[in-house]
PDB file of N, CA and C in Angstrom:
ATOM      1  N   UNK A   1     107.293   3.407  84.830  1.00  0.00           N
ATOM      2  CA  UNK A   1     106.626   2.219  85.314  1.00  0.00           C
ATOM      3  C   UNK A   1     105.223   2.162  84.695  1.00  0.00           C
ATOM      4  N   UNK A   2     104.761   0.951  84.486  1.00  0.00           N
ATOM      5  CA  UNK A   2     103.405   0.820  83.965  1.00  0.00           C
ATOM      6  C   UNK A   2     102.521   0.167  85.031  1.00  0.00           C
ATOM      7  N   UNK A   3     101.259  -0.007  84.695  1.00  0.00           N
ATOM      8  CA  UNK A   3     100.305  -0.518  85.683  1.00  0.00           C
ATOM      9  C   UNK A   3     100.701  -1.898  86.214  1.00  0.00           C
ATOM     10  N   UNK A   4     101.310  -2.710  85.368  1.00  0.00           N
ATOM     11  CA  UNK A   4     101.732  -4.040  85.823  1.00  0.00           C
ATOM     12  C   UNK A   4     102.834  -3.954  86.873  1.00  0.00           C
ATOM     13  N   UNK A   5     103.732  -2.997  86.711  1.00  0.00           N
ATOM     14  CA  UNK A   5     104.804  -2.810  87.694  1.00  0.00           C
ATOM     15  C   UNK A   5     104.241  -2.371  89.045  1.00  0.00           C
ATOM     16  N   UNK A   6     103.313  -1.414  89.009  1.00  0.00           N
ATOM     17  CA  UNK A   6     102.698  -0.947  90.249  1.00  0.00           C
ATOM     18  C   UNK A   6     101.934  -2.084  90.934  1.00  0.00           C
ATOM     19  N   UNK A   7     101.182  -2.860  90.151  1.00  0.00           N
ATOM     20  CA  UNK A   7     100.421  -3.982  90.699  1.00  0.00           C
ATOM     21  C   UNK A   7     101.356  -5.004  91.334  1.00  0.00           C
ATOM     22  N   UNK A   8     102.471  -5.279  90.653  1.00  0.00           N
ATOM     23  CA  UNK A   8     103.435  -6.250  91.176  1.00  0.00           C
ATOM     24  C   UNK A   8     104.011  -5.798  92.513  1.00  0.00           C
ATOM     25  N   UNK A   9     104.260  -4.505  92.653  1.00  0.00           N
ATOM     26  CA  UNK A   9     104.788  -4.008  93.933  1.00  0.00           C
ATOM     27  C   UNK A   9     103.768  -4.176  95.043  1.00  0.00           C
ATOM     28  N   UNK A  10     102.502  -3.892  94.744  1.00  0.00           N
ATOM     29  CA  UNK A  10     101.454  -4.063  95.749  1.00  0.00           C
ATOM     30  C   UNK A  10     101.337  -5.534  96.144  1.00  0.00           C
ATOM     31  N   UNK A  11     101.335  -6.410  95.151  1.00  0.00           N
ATOM     32  CA  UNK A  11     101.243  -7.840  95.433  1.00  0.00           C
ATOM     33  C   UNK A  11     102.430  -8.322  96.258  1.00  0.00           C
ATOM     34  N   UNK A  12     103.605  -7.846  95.913  1.00  0.00           N
ATOM     35  CA  UNK A  12     104.804  -8.266  96.639  1.00  0.00           C
ATOM     36  C   UNK A  12     104.721  -7.881  98.117  1.00  0.00           C
ATOM     37  N   UNK A  13     104.260  -6.673  98.368  1.00  0.00           N
ATOM     38  CA  UNK A  13     104.144  -6.246  99.766  1.00  0.00           C
ATOM     39  C   UNK A  13     103.184  -7.139 100.547  1.00  0.00           C
ATOM     40  N   UNK A  14     102.122  -7.560  99.898  1.00  0.00           N
ATOM     41  CA  UNK A  14     101.101  -8.330 100.611  1.00  0.00           C
ATOM     42  C   UNK A  14     101.410  -9.816 100.681  1.00  0.00           C
ATOM     43  N   UNK A  15     102.254 -10.299  99.793  1.00  0.00           N
ATOM     44  CA  UNK A  15     102.507 -11.744  99.764  1.00  0.00           C
ATOM     45  C   UNK A  15     103.908 -12.126 100.219  1.00  0.00           C
ATOM     46  N   UNK A  16     104.753 -11.148 100.487  1.00  0.00           N
ATOM     47  CA  UNK A  16     106.136 -11.466 100.865  1.00  0.00           C
ATOM     48  C   UNK A  16     106.264 -11.834 102.338  1.00  0.00           C
ATOM     49  N   UNK A  17     105.190 -11.717 103.083  1.00  0.00           N
ATOM     50  CA  UNK A  17     105.230 -12.010 104.512  1.00  0.00           C
ATOM     51  C   UNK A  17     104.096 -12.956 104.865  1.00  0.00           C
ATOM     52  N   UNK A  18     104.233 -13.551 106.012  1.00  0.00           N
ATOM     53  CA  UNK A  18     103.145 -14.379 106.531  1.00  0.00           C
ATOM     54  C   UNK A  18     101.948 -13.458 106.784  1.00  0.00           C
ATOM     55  N   UNK A  19     100.738 -13.877 106.427  1.00  0.00           N
ATOM     56  CA  UNK A  19      99.571 -13.001 106.609  1.00  0.00           C
ATOM     57  C   UNK A  19      99.426 -12.434 108.019  1.00  0.00           C
ATOM     58  N   UNK A  20      99.831 -13.174 109.018  1.00  0.00           N
ATOM     59  CA  UNK A  20      99.721 -12.667 110.383  1.00  0.00           C
ATOM     60  C   UNK A  20     100.766 -11.600 110.699  1.00  0.00           C
ATOM     61  N   UNK A  21     101.800 -11.489 109.842  1.00  0.00           N
ATOM     62  CA  UNK A  21     102.837 -10.482 110.051  1.00  0.00           C
ATOM     63  C   UNK A  21     102.520  -9.155 109.372  1.00  0.00           C
ATOM     64  N   UNK A  22     101.447  -9.119 108.606  1.00  0.00           N
ATOM     65  CA  UNK A  22     101.080  -7.864 107.951  1.00  0.00           C
ATOM     66  C   UNK A  22     100.675  -6.847 109.013  1.00  0.00           C
ATOM     67  N   UNK A  23     101.109  -5.622 108.792  1.00  0.00           N
ATOM     68  CA  UNK A  23     100.725  -4.565 109.723  1.00  0.00           C
ATOM     69  C   UNK A  23     100.091  -3.420 108.924  1.00  0.00           C
ATOM     70  N   UNK A  24      99.457  -2.483 109.605  1.00  0.00           N
ATOM     71  CA  UNK A  24      98.765  -1.397 108.898  1.00  0.00           C
ATOM     72  C   UNK A  24      99.664  -0.597 107.952  1.00  0.00           C
ATOM     73  N   UNK A  25     100.923  -0.433 108.294  1.00  0.00           N
ATOM     74  CA  UNK A  25     101.828   0.323 107.421  1.00  0.00           C
ATOM     75  C   UNK A  25     102.045  -0.397 106.090  1.00  0.00           C
ATOM     76  N   UNK A  26     102.227  -1.701 106.146  1.00  0.00           N
ATOM     77  CA  UNK A  26     102.438  -2.470 104.911  1.00  0.00           C
ATOM     78  C   UNK A  26     101.174  -2.457 104.064  1.00  0.00           C
ATOM     79  N   UNK A  27     100.037  -2.624 104.707  1.00  0.00           N
ATOM     80  CA  UNK A  27      98.770  -2.600 103.971  1.00  0.00           C
ATOM     81  C   UNK A  27      98.551  -1.228 103.345  1.00  0.00           C
ATOM     82  N   UNK A  28      98.899  -0.174 104.059  1.00  0.00           N
ATOM     83  CA  UNK A  28      98.756   1.185 103.519  1.00  0.00           C
ATOM     84  C   UNK A  28      99.676   1.392 102.319  1.00  0.00           C
ATOM     85  N   UNK A  29     100.909   0.894 102.412  1.00  0.00           N
ATOM     86  CA  UNK A  29     101.833   1.013 101.277  1.00  0.00           C
ATOM     87  C   UNK A  29     101.298   0.247 100.070  1.00  0.00           C
ATOM     88  N   UNK A  30     100.781  -0.939 100.302  1.00  0.00           N
ATOM     89  CA  UNK A  30     100.218  -1.729  99.211  1.00  0.00           C
ATOM     90  C   UNK A  30      99.021  -1.015  98.598  1.00  0.00           C
ATOM     91  N   UNK A  31      98.229  -0.363  99.423  1.00  0.00           N
ATOM     92  CA  UNK A  31      97.068   0.375  98.910  1.00  0.00           C
ATOM     93  C   UNK A  31      97.499   1.517  97.994  1.00  0.00           C
ATOM     94  N   UNK A  32      98.570   2.180  98.362  1.00  0.00           N
ATOM     95  CA  UNK A  32      99.081   3.270  97.512  1.00  0.00           C
ATOM     96  C   UNK A  32      99.553   2.715  96.171  1.00  0.00           C
ATOM     97  N   UNK A  33     100.297   1.605  96.200  1.00  0.00           N
ATOM     98  CA  UNK A  33     100.747   1.002  94.943  1.00  0.00           C
ATOM     99  C   UNK A  33      99.554   0.562  94.099  1.00  0.00           C
ATOM    100  N   UNK A  34      98.525   0.037  94.749  1.00  0.00           N
ATOM    101  CA  UNK A  34      97.323  -0.388  94.021  1.00  0.00           C
ATOM    102  C   UNK A  34      96.618   0.812  93.398  1.00  0.00           C
ATOM    103  N   UNK A  35      96.574   1.928  94.094  1.00  0.00           N
ATOM    104  CA  UNK A  35      95.973   3.136  93.530  1.00  0.00           C
ATOM    105  C   UNK A  35      96.781   3.631  92.338  1.00  0.00           C
ATOM    106  N   UNK A  36      98.092   3.574  92.454  1.00  0.00           N
ATOM    107  CA  UNK A  36      98.938   3.968  91.325  1.00  0.00           C
ATOM    108  C   UNK A  36      98.725   3.033  90.139  1.00  0.00           C
ATOM    109  N   UNK A  37      98.545   1.749  90.405  1.00  0.00           N
ATOM    110  CA  UNK A  37      98.286   0.785  89.334  1.00  0.00           C
ATOM    111  C   UNK A  37      96.982   1.113  88.635  1.00  0.00           C
ATOM    112  N   UNK A  38      95.961   1.457  89.402  1.00  0.00           N
ATOM    113  CA  UNK A  38      94.673   1.814  88.812  1.00  0.00           C
ATOM    114  C   UNK A  38      94.792   3.062  87.953  1.00  0.00           C
ATOM    115  N   UNK A  39      95.451   4.075  88.480  1.00  0.00           N
ATOM    116  CA  UNK A  39      95.629   5.315  87.721  1.00  0.00           C
ATOM    117  C   UNK A  39      96.416   5.066  86.437  1.00  0.00           C
ATOM    118  N   UNK A  40      97.467   4.284  86.534  1.00  0.00           N
ATOM    119  CA  UNK A  40      98.276   3.984  85.350  1.00  0.00           C
ATOM    120  C   UNK A  40      97.469   3.196  84.325  1.00  0.00           C
ATOM    121  N   UNK A  41      96.639   2.266  84.784  1.00  0.00           N
ATOM    122  CA  UNK A  41      95.814   1.486  83.864  1.00  0.00           C
ATOM    123  C   UNK A  41      94.820   2.382  83.130  1.00  0.00           C
ATOM    124  N   UNK A  42      94.270   3.355  83.829  1.00  0.00           N
ATOM    125  CA  UNK A  42      93.339   4.297  83.191  1.00  0.00           C
ATOM    126  C   UNK A  42      94.059   5.105  82.124  1.00  0.00           C
ATOM    127  N   UNK A  43      95.247   5.584  82.444  1.00  0.00           N
ATOM    128  CA  UNK A  43      96.033   6.357  81.469  1.00  0.00           C
ATOM    129  C   UNK A  43      96.393   5.490  80.263  1.00  0.00           C
ATOM    130  N   UNK A  44      96.825   4.259  80.542  1.00  0.00           N
ATOM    131  CA  UNK A  44      97.196   3.353  79.450  1.00  0.00           C
ATOM    132  C   UNK A  44      96.005   3.071  78.546  1.00  0.00           C
ATOM    133  N   UNK A  45      94.831   2.878  79.119  1.00  0.00           N
ATOM    134  CA  UNK A  45      93.636   2.626  78.317  1.00  0.00           C
ATOM    135  C   UNK A  45      93.287   3.839  77.472  1.00  0.00           C
ATOM    136  N   UNK A  46      93.415   5.019  78.050  1.00  0.00           N
ATOM    137  CA  UNK A  46      93.142   6.250  77.298  1.00  0.00           C
ATOM    138  C   UNK A  46      94.126   6.411  76.153  1.00  0.00           C
ATOM    139  N   UNK A  47      95.389   6.081  76.404  1.00  0.00           N
ATOM    140  CA  UNK A  47      96.396   6.187  75.338  1.00  0.00           C
ATOM    141  C   UNK A  47      96.115   5.196  74.220  1.00  0.00           C
ATOM    142  N   UNK A  48      95.722   3.968  74.568  1.00  0.00           N
ATOM    143  CA  UNK A  48      95.379   2.983  73.541  1.00  0.00           C
ATOM    144  C   UNK A  48      94.171   3.432  72.728  1.00  0.00           C
ATOM    145  N   UNK A  49      93.203   4.009  73.403  1.00  0.00           N
ATOM    146  CA  UNK A  49      92.006   4.491  72.725  1.00  0.00           C
ATOM    147  C   UNK A  49      92.361   5.630  71.768  1.00  0.00           C
ATOM    148  N   UNK A  50      93.239   6.533  72.215  1.00  0.00           N
ATOM    149  CA  UNK A  50      93.652   7.653  71.353  1.00  0.00           C
ATOM    150  C   UNK A  50      94.446   7.156  70.149  1.00  0.00           C
ATOM    151  N   UNK A  51      95.258   6.130  70.340  1.00  0.00           N
ATOM    152  CA  UNK A  51      96.041   5.580  69.249  1.00  0.00           C
ATOM    153  C   UNK A  51      95.161   4.864  68.223  1.00  0.00           C
ATOM    154  N   UNK A  52      94.052   4.320  68.694  1.00  0.00           N
ATOM    155  CA  UNK A  52      93.161   3.567  67.812  1.00  0.00           C
ATOM    156  C   UNK A  52      92.381   4.478  66.886  1.00  0.00           C
ATOM    157  N   UNK A  53      92.293   5.747  67.218  1.00  0.00           N
ATOM    158  CA  UNK A  53      91.520   6.685  66.391  1.00  0.00           C
ATOM    159  C   UNK A  53      92.274   7.064  65.146  1.00  0.00           C
TER     160      UNK A  53
END
C-alpha cells in the first residue's frame, strides 16, 4: 500500500457515515490510517530523493 491508499482508508472511515454517527473508535481508526499515510509519504519522499541522486 502507498500513502494514497492509507489516506483513502482514513477518509473513507470519516466520510462513510453521518458526522453525528462518528464515535471515538472510528476516529481512532482513522487516526491510525492517517499516521500510516504520513509515514508512507515520508518513506516515498525519501525513496524519490534517493533515486534522484
